[in-house]
C-alpha atoms as a PDB file:
ATOM      1  CA  MET A   1       1.694 162.187-151.240  1.00  0.00           C
ATOM      2  CA  SER A   2      -0.531 160.205-148.857  1.00  0.00           C
ATOM      3  CA  LYS A   3       0.910 156.932-150.187  1.00  0.00           C
ATOM      4  CA  ASN A   4       4.450 158.086-149.359  1.00  0.00           C
ATOM      5  CA  ILE A   5       3.350 159.153-145.887  1.00  0.00           C
ATOM      6  CA  SER A   6       1.698 155.760-145.365  1.00  0.00           C
ATOM      7  CA  LYS A   7       4.868 153.912-146.374  1.00  0.00           C
ATOM      8  CA  PHE A   8       6.932 156.149-144.084  1.00  0.00           C
ATOM      9  CA  THR A   9       4.540 155.465-141.187  1.00  0.00           C
ATOM     10  CA  VAL A  10       4.774 151.709-141.706  1.00  0.00           C
ATOM     11  CA  ALA A  11       8.575 151.831-141.911  1.00  0.00           C
ATOM     12  CA  LEU A  12       8.777 154.000-138.786  1.00  0.00           C
ATOM     13  CA  ALA A  13       6.484 151.636-136.869  1.00  0.00           C
ATOM     14  CA  LEU A  14       8.541 148.603-137.894  1.00  0.00           C
ATOM     15  CA  PHE A  15      11.737 150.361-136.832  1.00  0.00           C
ATOM     16  CA  PHE A  16      10.245 151.320-133.486  1.00  0.00           C
ATOM     17  CA  PHE A  17       8.932 147.850-132.659  1.00  0.00           C
ATOM     18  CA  ALA A  18      12.146 146.203-133.824  1.00  0.00           C
ATOM     19  CA  ALA A  19      14.106 148.527-131.572  1.00  0.00           C
ATOM     20  CA  VAL A  20      11.867 147.765-128.601  1.00  0.00           C
ATOM     21  CA  SER A  21      12.148 144.007-129.171  1.00  0.00           C
ATOM     22  CA  LEU A  22      15.922 144.207-129.555  1.00  0.00           C
ATOM     23  CA  GLN A  23      16.255 146.234-126.390  1.00  0.00           C
ATOM     24  CA  ALA A  24      14.180 143.722-124.483  1.00  0.00           C
ATOM     25  CA  GLY A  25      16.097 140.829-126.050  1.00  0.00           C
ATOM     26  CA  MET A  26      12.832 139.248-127.145  1.00  0.00           C
ATOM     27  CA  VAL A  27      11.573 138.420-130.631  1.00  0.00           C
ATOM     28  CA  PRO A  28       7.790 138.150-131.156  1.00  0.00           C
ATOM     29  CA  ALA A  29       6.464 135.136-133.016  1.00  0.00           C
ATOM     30  CA  TYR A  30       3.633 137.158-134.541  1.00  0.00           C
ATOM     31  CA  TYR A  31       2.421 140.632-135.429  1.00  0.00           C
ATOM     32  CA  ASP A  32      -1.147 141.866-135.324  1.00  0.00           C
ATOM     33  CA  ALA A  33      -2.283 144.067-138.207  1.00  0.00           C
ATOM     34  CA  PRO A  34      -5.371 146.230-138.803  1.00  0.00           C
ATOM     35  CA  TYR A  35      -8.397 144.161-139.692  1.00  0.00           C
ATOM     36  CA  ALA A  36      -9.258 143.538-143.309  1.00  0.00           C
ATOM     37  CA  ASP A  37     -11.207 140.704-144.878  1.00  0.00           C
ATOM     38  CA  ALA A  38      -9.399 137.712-146.378  1.00  0.00           C
ATOM     39  CA  LYS A  39      -9.945 138.852-149.966  1.00  0.00           C
ATOM     40  CA  THR A  40      -8.329 142.229-149.257  1.00  0.00           C
ATOM     41  CA  VAL A  41      -5.429 140.665-147.345  1.00  0.00           C
ATOM     42  CA  LYS A  42      -4.709 138.295-150.225  1.00  0.00           C
ATOM     43  CA  GLU A  43      -4.858 141.077-152.810  1.00  0.00           C
ATOM     44  CA  ASN A  44      -2.555 143.316-150.780  1.00  0.00           C
ATOM     45  CA  LEU A  45       0.015 140.564-150.284  1.00  0.00           C
ATOM     46  CA  GLU A  46       0.049 139.868-153.998  1.00  0.00           C
ATOM     47  CA  LYS A  47       0.484 143.585-154.754  1.00  0.00           C
ATOM     48  CA  GLU A  48       3.662 143.487-152.649  1.00  0.00           C
ATOM     49  CA  GLY A  49       5.067 140.583-154.669  1.00  0.00           C
ATOM     50  CA  PHE A  50       4.039 137.663-152.481  1.00  0.00           C
ATOM     51  CA  ASN A  51       2.609 134.454-153.900  1.00  0.00           C
ATOM     52  CA  VAL A  52      -0.309 133.176-151.828  1.00  0.00           C
ATOM     53  CA  LEU A  53      -0.023 129.397-152.056  1.00  0.00           C
ATOM     54  CA  ALA A  54      -3.214 128.423-150.249  1.00  0.00           C
ATOM     55  CA  THR A  55      -6.023 129.538-147.985  1.00  0.00           C
ATOM     56  CA  TYR A  56      -6.800 127.061-145.233  1.00  0.00           C
ATOM     57  CA  SER A  57      -9.385 126.851-142.437  1.00  0.00           C
ATOM     58  CA  PRO A  58      -7.898 125.008-139.410  1.00  0.00           C
ATOM     59  CA  ALA A  59     -10.235 122.424-137.891  1.00  0.00           C
ATOM     60  CA  ALA A  60     -12.715 123.391-140.645  1.00  0.00           C
ATOM     61  CA  LYS A  61     -13.570 126.628-138.827  1.00  0.00           C
ATOM     62  CA  ALA A  62     -15.067 128.927-141.446  1.00  0.00           C
ATOM     63  CA  ASN A  63     -14.187 132.109-139.535  1.00  0.00           C
ATOM     64  CA  LEU A  64     -10.470 131.257-139.585  1.00  0.00           C
ATOM     65  CA  GLU A  65      -8.685 131.725-142.917  1.00  0.00           C
ATOM     66  CA  VAL A  66      -4.954 131.045-142.923  1.00  0.00           C
ATOM     67  CA  MET A  67      -3.050 132.182-145.988  1.00  0.00           C
ATOM     68  CA  VAL A  68       0.330 130.593-146.660  1.00  0.00           C
ATOM     69  CA  PHE A  69       2.536 132.892-148.728  1.00  0.00           C
ATOM     70  CA  THR A  70       6.069 133.153-150.050  1.00  0.00           C
ATOM     71  CA  ASN A  71       8.298 135.178-152.348  1.00  0.00           C
ATOM     72  CA  LYS A  72      11.604 134.803-154.173  1.00  0.00           C
ATOM     73  CA  ALA A  73      13.668 135.893-151.155  1.00  0.00           C
ATOM     74  CA  LEU A  74      12.047 133.354-148.827  1.00  0.00           C
ATOM     75  CA  ILE A  75      12.472 130.538-151.346  1.00  0.00           C
ATOM     76  CA  SER A  76      16.087 131.479-152.066  1.00  0.00           C
ATOM     77  CA  ASN A  77      16.988 131.637-148.355  1.00  0.00           C
ATOM     78  CA  ALA A  78      15.355 128.282-147.618  1.00  0.00           C
ATOM     79  CA  SER A  79      16.779 126.364-150.576  1.00  0.00           C
ATOM     80  CA  ILE A  80      19.435 124.753-148.390  1.00  0.00           C
ATOM     81  CA  LYS A  81      19.462 121.192-147.097  1.00  0.00           C
ATOM     82  CA  ILE A  82      16.939 120.682-144.276  1.00  0.00           C
ATOM     83  CA  ARG A  83      15.998 124.381-144.220  1.00  0.00           C
ATOM     84  CA  GLY A  84      12.956 124.257-146.493  1.00  0.00           C
ATOM     85  CA  PHE A  85      10.494 124.887-143.663  1.00  0.00           C
ATOM     86  CA  ALA A  86      11.658 128.529-143.735  1.00  0.00           C
ATOM     87  CA  ALA A  87      10.309 129.093-147.263  1.00  0.00           C
ATOM     88  CA  ILE A  88       6.862 130.309-146.166  1.00  0.00           C
ATOM     89  CA  GLN A  89       5.124 132.774-143.896  1.00  0.00           C
ATOM     90  CA  ARG A  90       1.500 132.748-142.755  1.00  0.00           C
ATOM     91  CA  VAL A  91      -1.290 135.215-142.029  1.00  0.00           C
ATOM     92  CA  MET A  92      -4.647 134.454-140.405  1.00  0.00           C
ATOM     93  CA  VAL A  93      -7.859 136.412-140.756  1.00  0.00           C
ATOM     94  CA  ASP A  94     -10.463 135.772-138.051  1.00  0.00           C
ATOM     95  CA  SER A  95     -13.743 137.157-139.372  1.00  0.00           C
ATOM     96  CA  THR A  96     -15.461 136.647-136.006  1.00  0.00           C
ATOM     97  CA  ALA A  97     -12.865 138.314-133.782  1.00  0.00           C
ATOM     98  CA  LYS A  98     -12.090 140.823-136.565  1.00  0.00           C
ATOM     99  CA  THR A  99      -8.344 140.261-136.296  1.00  0.00           C
ATOM    100  CA  VAL A 100      -5.406 139.767-138.640  1.00  0.00           C
ATOM    101  CA  ARG A 101      -2.298 138.026-137.330  1.00  0.00           C
ATOM    102  CA  VAL A 102       0.863 137.334-139.319  1.00  0.00           C
ATOM    103  CA  THR A 103       4.065 135.426-138.599  1.00  0.00           C
ATOM    104  CA  ASN A 104       7.205 137.442-137.846  1.00  0.00           C
ATOM    105  CA  PRO A 105       9.895 136.498-140.399  1.00  0.00           C
ATOM    106  CA  SER A 106      12.707 137.280-137.958  1.00  0.00           C
ATOM    107  CA  TYR A 107      11.397 134.737-135.427  1.00  0.00           C
ATOM    108  CA  TRP A 108      10.718 131.921-137.857  1.00  0.00           C
ATOM    109  CA  LEU A 109      13.757 132.406-140.086  1.00  0.00           C
ATOM    110  CA  GLN A 110      16.121 132.385-137.122  1.00  0.00           C
ATOM    111  CA  ALA A 111      14.452 129.233-135.810  1.00  0.00           C
ATOM    112  CA  PHE A 112      14.286 127.343-139.106  1.00  0.00           C
ATOM    113  CA  MET A 113      17.429 128.570-140.869  1.00  0.00           C
ATOM    114  CA  GLN A 114      19.591 127.739-137.837  1.00  0.00           C
ATOM    115  CA  LYS A 115      23.300 128.458-138.498  1.00  0.00           C
ATOM    116  CA  GLU A 116      22.477 129.520-142.069  1.00  0.00           C
ATOM    117  CA  TYR A 117      20.430 132.475-140.826  1.00  0.00           C
ATOM    118  CA  LYS A 118      21.902 135.778-141.997  1.00  0.00           C
ATOM    119  CA  ALA A 119      21.146 138.843-139.897  1.00  0.00           C
ATOM    120  CA  GLY A 120      19.030 141.283-141.875  1.00  0.00           C
ATOM    121  CA  SER A 121      17.816 138.687-144.381  1.00  0.00           C
ATOM    122  CA  ASP A 122      14.298 139.140-143.022  1.00  0.00           C
ATOM    123  CA  THR A 123      14.214 142.957-143.045  1.00  0.00           C
ATOM    124  CA  ALA A 124      12.935 143.473-146.606  1.00  0.00           C
ATOM    125  CA  ILE A 125      10.416 140.634-146.170  1.00  0.00           C
ATOM    126  CA  THR A 126       9.002 142.181-142.989  1.00  0.00           C
ATOM    127  CA  ASP A 127       8.906 145.597-144.628  1.00  0.00           C
ATOM    128  CA  SER A 128       6.878 144.198-147.545  1.00  0.00           C
ATOM    129  CA  ILE A 129       4.467 142.486-145.151  1.00  0.00           C
ATOM    130  CA  GLY A 130       3.993 145.793-143.339  1.00  0.00           C
ATOM    131  CA  LYS A 131       3.277 147.602-146.598  1.00  0.00           C
ATOM    132  CA  ALA A 132       0.695 144.951-147.477  1.00  0.00           C
ATOM    133  CA  LEU A 133      -1.056 144.681-144.118  1.00  0.00           C
ATOM    134  CA  GLY A 134      -0.491 148.034-142.420  1.00  0.00           C
ATOM    135  CA  THR A 135       1.039 148.855-139.041  1.00  0.00           C
ATOM    136  CA  LEU A 136       2.405 145.703-137.411  1.00  0.00           C
ATOM    137  CA  THR A 137       2.064 145.407-133.643  1.00  0.00           C
ATOM    138  CA  PRO A 138       4.122 142.650-131.985  1.00  0.00           C
ATOM    139  CA  THR A 139       2.195 140.153-129.876  1.00  0.00           C
ATOM    140  CA  LYS A 140       3.304 139.045-126.424  1.00  0.00           C
ATOM    141  CA  ASP A 141       4.179 135.597-127.806  1.00  0.00           C
ATOM    142  CA  ALA A 142       7.967 135.842-127.894  1.00  0.00           C
ATOM    143  CA  LEU A 143      11.254 134.122-127.163  1.00  0.00           C
ATOM    144  CA  LYS A 144      14.705 135.432-126.332  1.00  0.00           C
ATOM    145  CA  ASN A 145      16.718 136.230-129.434  1.00  0.00           C
ATOM    146  CA  GLU A 146      19.562 133.923-128.410  1.00  0.00           C
ATOM    147  CA  ASP A 147      17.166 130.995-127.859  1.00  0.00           C
ATOM    148  CA  LEU A 148      15.570 130.895-131.297  1.00  0.00           C
ATOM    149  CA  ALA A 149      18.159 128.764-133.098  1.00  0.00           C
ATOM    150  CA  HIS A 150      18.544 126.363-130.169  1.00  0.00           C
ATOM    151  CA  TYR A 151      15.016 126.265-128.850  1.00  0.00           C
ATOM    152  CA  GLN A 152      13.912 123.454-126.579  1.00  0.00           C
ATOM    153  CA  TYR A 153      10.629 123.725-124.674  1.00  0.00           C
ATOM    154  CA  ALA A 154      11.833 121.676-121.718  1.00  0.00           C
ATOM    155  CA  VAL A 155      14.498 119.148-120.791  1.00  0.00           C
ATOM    156  CA  SER A 156      14.279 115.986-122.960  1.00  0.00           C
ATOM    157  CA  MET A 157      12.024 117.768-125.463  1.00  0.00           C
ATOM    158  CA  PRO A 158      13.091 117.896-129.147  1.00  0.00           C
ATOM    159  CA  TYR A 159      15.125 120.585-130.896  1.00  0.00           C
ATOM    160  CA  TYR A 160      14.683 121.740-134.504  1.00  0.00           C
ATOM    161  CA  GLU A 161      17.074 119.081-135.781  1.00  0.00           C
ATOM    162  CA  ASN A 162      15.125 116.260-134.102  1.00  0.00           C
ATOM    163  CA  MET A 163      12.833 115.911-137.102  1.00  0.00           C
ATOM    164  CA  VAL A 164      10.607 112.951-137.765  1.00  0.00           C
ATOM    165  CA  GLU A 165      11.458 110.910-140.854  1.00  0.00           C
ATOM    166  CA  LEU A 166       8.020 110.017-142.141  1.00  0.00           C
ATOM    167  CA  LYS A 167       8.911 107.919-145.167  1.00  0.00           C
ATOM    168  CA  SER A 168      11.743 107.212-147.593  1.00  0.00           C
ATOM    169  CA  GLY A 169      11.800 105.992-151.162  1.00  0.00           C
ATOM    170  CA  THR A 170      12.425 106.949-154.757  1.00  0.00           C
ATOM    171  CA  ALA A 171       8.917 108.268-155.480  1.00  0.00           C
ATOM    172  CA  LEU A 172       7.402 109.964-152.477  1.00  0.00           C
ATOM    173  CA  ALA A 173       3.909 111.317-153.009  1.00  0.00           C
ATOM    174  CA  ILE A 174       1.229 112.549-150.631  1.00  0.00           C
ATOM    175  CA  ASN A 175      -2.399 111.727-151.313  1.00  0.00           C
ATOM    176  CA  PRO A 176      -3.654 114.716-153.389  1.00  0.00           C
ATOM    177  CA  LYS A 177      -6.761 114.935-151.216  1.00  0.00           C
ATOM    178  CA  LYS A 178      -4.503 115.696-148.238  1.00  0.00           C
ATOM    179  CA  VAL A 179      -2.444 118.408-149.945  1.00  0.00           C
ATOM    180  CA  ALA A 180      -3.131 122.036-149.015  1.00  0.00           C
ATOM    181  CA  PHE A 181      -0.250 123.423-151.084  1.00  0.00           C
ATOM    182  CA  THR A 182       2.974 122.376-152.790  1.00  0.00           C
ATOM    183  CA  LEU A 183       6.069 124.560-153.142  1.00  0.00           C
ATOM    184  CA  GLN A 184       9.111 123.630-155.189  1.00  0.00           C
ATOM    185  CA  LEU A 185      12.384 125.019-153.824  1.00  0.00           C
ATOM    186  CA  ASP A 186      15.448 126.017-155.824  1.00  0.00           C
ATOM    187  CA  ASN A 187      17.473 123.041-154.550  1.00  0.00           C
ATOM    188  CA  GLY A 188      14.950 120.469-155.779  1.00  0.00           C
ATOM    189  CA  SER A 189      13.240 119.961-152.422  1.00  0.00           C
ATOM    190  CA  THR A 190       9.470 120.193-152.042  1.00  0.00           C
ATOM    191  CA  LEU A 191       7.539 121.707-149.161  1.00  0.00           C
ATOM    192  CA  VAL A 192       4.005 120.358-148.808  1.00  0.00           C
ATOM    193  CA  GLY A 193       1.181 121.620-146.635  1.00  0.00           C
ATOM    194  CA  VAL A 194      -0.824 118.675-145.324  1.00  0.00           C
ATOM    195  CA  LYS A 195      -4.478 118.668-144.350  1.00  0.00           C
ATOM    196  CA  MET A 196      -5.158 116.669-141.219  1.00  0.00           C
ATOM    197  CA  SER A 197      -8.455 115.574-139.742  1.00  0.00           C
ATOM    198  CA  LYS A 198     -10.750 118.027-137.996  1.00  0.00           C
ATOM    199  CA  THR A 199     -10.433 115.897-134.855  1.00  0.00           C
ATOM    200  CA  ILE A 200      -6.658 116.312-134.689  1.00  0.00           C
ATOM    201  CA  GLU A 201      -6.704 119.994-135.555  1.00  0.00           C
ATOM    202  CA  LYS A 202      -9.225 120.754-132.815  1.00  0.00           C
ATOM    203  CA  PHE A 203      -6.287 121.006-130.393  1.00  0.00           C
ATOM    204  CA  ILE A 204      -6.386 124.720-131.240  1.00  0.00           C
ATOM    205  CA  GLU A 205      -9.603 124.994-129.216  1.00  0.00           C
ATOM    206  CA  MET A 206      -7.733 123.923-126.071  1.00  0.00           C
ATOM    207  CA  ILE A 207      -4.602 126.041-126.349  1.00  0.00           C
ATOM    208  CA  GLY A 208      -5.629 129.036-128.455  1.00  0.00           C
ATOM    209  CA  GLU A 209      -7.285 129.614-131.811  1.00  0.00           C
ATOM    210  CA  ASP A 210      -5.440 132.937-132.074  1.00  0.00           C
ATOM    211  CA  LYS A 211      -2.348 130.950-133.066  1.00  0.00           C
ATOM    212  CA  ALA A 212      -4.116 128.514-135.389  1.00  0.00           C
ATOM    213  CA  LEU A 213      -1.983 129.893-138.230  1.00  0.00           C
ATOM    214  CA  ALA A 214       0.427 127.131-137.197  1.00  0.00           C
ATOM    215  CA  LEU A 215      -1.723 125.028-139.550  1.00  0.00           C
ATOM    216  CA  PRO A 216      -1.612 123.487-142.092  1.00  0.00           C
ATOM    217  CA  TYR A 217       1.281 121.296-140.962  1.00  0.00           C
ATOM    218  CA  THR A 218       4.183 121.031-143.391  1.00  0.00           C
ATOM    219  CA  VAL A 219       6.281 118.164-144.740  1.00  0.00           C
ATOM    220  CA  LEU A 220       9.649 118.577-146.455  1.00  0.00           C
ATOM    221  CA  ILE A 221      10.500 116.066-149.193  1.00  0.00           C
ATOM    222  CA  GLU A 222      14.215 116.034-149.923  1.00  0.00           C
ATOM    223  CA  ASP A 223      16.746 113.534-151.276  1.00  0.00           C
ATOM    224  CA  GLY A 224      14.298 110.639-151.196  1.00  0.00           C
ATOM    225  CA  LYS A 225      13.101 111.267-147.646  1.00  0.00           C
ATOM    226  CA  ALA A 226      10.086 113.028-146.155  1.00  0.00           C
ATOM    227  CA  TYR A 227      10.500 114.944-142.916  1.00  0.00           C
ATOM    228  CA  SER A 228       8.269 116.854-140.544  1.00  0.00           C
ATOM    229  CA  LEU A 229       9.260 119.021-137.623  1.00  0.00           C
ATOM    230  CA  HIS A 230       8.653 117.180-134.370  1.00  0.00           C
ATOM    231  CA  ALA A 231       5.242 118.341-133.149  1.00  0.00           C
ATOM    232  CA  LYS A 232       6.517 118.851-129.596  1.00  0.00           C
ATOM    233  CA  TYR A 233       9.018 121.326-131.035  1.00  0.00           C
ATOM    234  CA  TYR A 234       6.794 123.004-133.618  1.00  0.00           C
ATOM    235  CA  LEU A 235       3.757 123.457-131.393  1.00  0.00           C
ATOM    236  CA  ALA A 236       5.936 124.865-128.606  1.00  0.00           C
ATOM    237  CA  MET A 237       7.477 127.311-131.084  1.00  0.00           C
ATOM    238  CA  SER A 238       4.007 128.293-132.256  1.00  0.00           C
ATOM    239  CA  TYR A 239       2.746 128.765-128.687  1.00  0.00           C
ATOM    240  CA  PRO A 240       5.852 130.117-126.902  1.00  0.00           C
ATOM    241  CA  LEU A 241       3.957 131.277-123.792  1.00  0.00           C
ATOM    242  CA  LEU A 242       2.092 128.008-123.291  1.00  0.00           C
ATOM    243  CA  PRO A 243       2.528 126.745-119.692  1.00  0.00           C
ATOM    244  CA  LEU A 244       3.445 123.089-119.207  1.00  0.00           C
ATOM    245  CA  GLY A 245       0.056 122.395-117.658  1.00  0.00           C
ATOM    246  CA  GLU A 246      -1.671 123.672-120.787  1.00  0.00           C
ATOM    247  CA  PHE A 247       0.706 121.729-123.026  1.00  0.00           C
ATOM    248  CA  MET A 248      -0.257 118.553-121.194  1.00  0.00           C
ATOM    249  CA  LYS A 249      -3.853 119.059-122.306  1.00  0.00           C
ATOM    250  CA  ILE A 250      -2.753 118.141-125.818  1.00  0.00           C
ATOM    251  CA  SER A 251      -0.222 115.473-124.820  1.00  0.00           C
ATOM    252  CA  SER A 252      -1.687 113.002-127.328  1.00  0.00           C
ATOM    253  CA  THR A 253      -1.609 115.487-130.227  1.00  0.00           C
ATOM    254  CA  PRO A 254       2.057 115.176-131.292  1.00  0.00           C
ATOM    255  CA  ASP A 255       1.777 111.413-131.778  1.00  0.00           C
ATOM    256  CA  ALA A 256      -1.559 111.829-133.570  1.00  0.00           C
ATOM    257  CA  ILE A 257       0.011 114.357-135.941  1.00  0.00           C
ATOM    258  CA  GLU A 258       2.911 112.034-136.714  1.00  0.00           C
ATOM    259  CA  ARG A 259       0.610 109.089-137.422  1.00  0.00           C
ATOM    260  CA  LYS A 260      -1.603 111.192-139.667  1.00  0.00           C
ATOM    261  CA  LEU A 261       1.323 112.571-141.640  1.00  0.00           C
ATOM    262  CA  LYS A 262       2.692 109.068-142.221  1.00  0.00           C
ATOM    263  CA  LYS A 263      -0.706 107.863-143.408  1.00  0.00           C
ATOM    264  CA  SER A 264      -0.987 110.772-145.840  1.00  0.00           C
ATOM    265  CA  PHE A 265       1.530 109.156-148.188  1.00  0.00           C
ATOM    266  CA  LYS A 266       0.118 107.042-150.984  1.00  0.00           C
END
């Protein structure tokens, strides 16, 4: 009986917050969930049918544990040309702050699926995340619903489609020591999580460790080419409330990320 009540409470909370966001025309990038340790979070995600691909500590910070996870629905949706970045979601456990933060599928699927996004395709995924983690409370980090598929941080800044082609060739392979996870998609593409240096990843200290679940950075290998989202686009999407002045503090980071990703290939 209590289990049914719990599921009803989670569903009601999701409905309420979705309704509030829709009314305001804003979609949150993240949800906060009740605190649980990383082991419990992983177990609960797996109970709800998610596959946890990796646990990663951004900038080698032991208190931050980012879990990258997926399921059949996410993989199926993202198995379309140049849409593979949408195949995963992320959750971060901060054992010092005692917080759990998870990506909002609606935000990231609309951004990464672009014109292939189907309204409602994220509903069951979000519901399963809520059942695994508990009541989901939207964070203030949000963008207007109509801006997600055409997001640009500022004039002359990149859009989703302005990806960086890192390398091309018949046998693309990333140095195994740099690989955080590998995910094969249904269309033959491969999404790879890439470990970067602690020095590069320390940008999170300047603009907010609470959104460090943006890491590890991902690379999509498809049709003999390796792509990454432009860092000026991806970091802006990950930190949607970041003022320009704060963004300028990490002005060298996007280029550093690109160089590191290129060097990660064997």
